[in-house]
Amino acid sequence: MEDEILLNSKDLLKQIKAIAKKEGINMTLLKFTINAIFNKADGVRNLYNKFNRRTIRVSELEEIAEVLNYELVLRKKN
């Protein structure tokens, strides 16, 4: 499938940043948009910390995907 990305925990931040760049926004604007849509108040530094500590939740990844117009899919390996 076109625009399909296999995410991995080691490079997750790098992968999300690349997707955001492809969609024409930076991480600050991404977080600002997430805050506006999902009624949140935390900052981009908090988001970076979650990626770096590997404590980001699936629900937060869903919010990121929603803003970037992507979806999370769990697929059985071949």
Protein backbone atom coordinates (compact mmCIF):
# COMPACT_ATOMS: atom_id res chain seq x y z
CA MET A 1 0.00 0.00 0.00
CA GLU A 2 1.26 3.46 -0.84
CA ASP A 3 2.17 5.65 2.16
CA GLU A 4 2.38 2.61 4.43
CA ILE A 5 5.07 2.80 7.09
CA LEU A 6 6.18 -0.01 9.37
CA LEU A 7 6.76 1.71 12.71
CA ASN A 8 9.32 0.52 15.22
CA SER A 9 9.89 1.70 18.78
CA LYS A 10 13.56 2.59 18.31
CA ASP A 11 12.95 5.04 15.47
CA LEU A 12 9.38 6.08 16.22
CA LEU A 13 10.12 9.78 16.78
CA LYS A 14 12.20 9.96 13.60
CA GLN A 15 9.43 8.21 11.66
CA ILE A 16 6.68 10.49 12.98
CA LYS A 17 8.79 13.58 12.22
CA ALA A 18 9.34 12.33 8.65
CA ILE A 19 5.61 11.75 8.15
CA ALA A 20 4.80 15.18 9.57
CA LYS A 21 7.37 16.79 7.28
CA LYS A 22 5.88 14.95 4.30
CA GLU A 23 2.48 16.36 5.30
CA GLY A 24 3.94 19.86 5.55
CA ILE A 25 3.93 20.44 9.30
CA ASN A 26 6.52 20.40 12.05
CA MET A 27 6.24 18.80 15.48
CA THR A 28 5.28 22.06 17.18
CA LEU A 29 2.36 22.60 14.83
CA LEU A 30 1.44 18.93 15.14
CA LYS A 31 1.26 19.20 18.94
CA PHE A 32 -0.61 22.52 18.75
CA THR A 33 -3.20 20.91 16.48
CA ILE A 34 -3.51 17.85 18.74
CA ASN A 35 -4.07 20.15 21.72
CA ALA A 36 -6.75 22.10 19.86
CA ILE A 37 -8.63 19.07 18.53
CA PHE A 38 -8.38 16.86 21.62
CA ASN A 39 -8.62 19.61 24.27
CA LYS A 40 -5.15 19.08 25.72
CA ALA A 41 -2.68 21.56 27.18
CA ASP A 42 0.73 19.84 27.29
CA GLY A 43 3.65 21.01 25.17
CA VAL A 44 5.83 19.66 22.42
CA ARG A 45 8.66 19.00 24.92
CA ASN A 46 6.36 16.59 26.77
CA LEU A 47 5.65 14.80 23.50
CA TYR A 48 9.38 14.49 22.75
CA ASN A 49 9.97 13.14 26.26
CA LYS A 50 7.32 10.46 25.77
CA PHE A 51 8.96 9.34 22.53
CA ASN A 52 12.45 9.36 24.04
CA ARG A 53 11.36 7.45 27.15
CA ARG A 54 9.20 5.11 25.07
CA THR A 55 6.17 5.92 27.23
CA ILE A 56 3.87 7.19 24.48
CA ARG A 57 0.42 5.59 24.57
CA VAL A 58 -1.45 4.05 21.68
CA SER A 59 -4.17 6.67 22.20
CA GLU A 60 -1.56 9.41 21.69
CA LEU A 61 -0.34 7.71 18.52
CA GLU A 62 -3.97 7.62 17.36
CA GLU A 63 -4.22 11.38 17.91
CA ILE A 64 -1.03 11.96 15.95
CA ALA A 65 -2.27 9.71 13.15
CA GLU A 66 -5.61 11.55 13.07
CA VAL A 67 -3.94 14.95 12.68
CA LEU A 68 -1.62 13.59 9.98
CA ASN A 69 -4.56 11.90 8.21
CA TYR A 70 -3.17 8.39 8.76
CA GLU A 71 -4.56 5.39 10.59
CA LEU A 72 -2.97 2.78 12.83
CA VAL A 73 -3.30 -0.77 11.55
CA LEU A 74 -2.28 -4.00 13.21
CA ARG A 75 -1.66 -6.64 10.55
CA LYS A 76 -0.62 -10.27 10.81
CA LYS A 77 2.91 -10.94 9.56
CA ASN A 78 3.35 -12.90 6.35
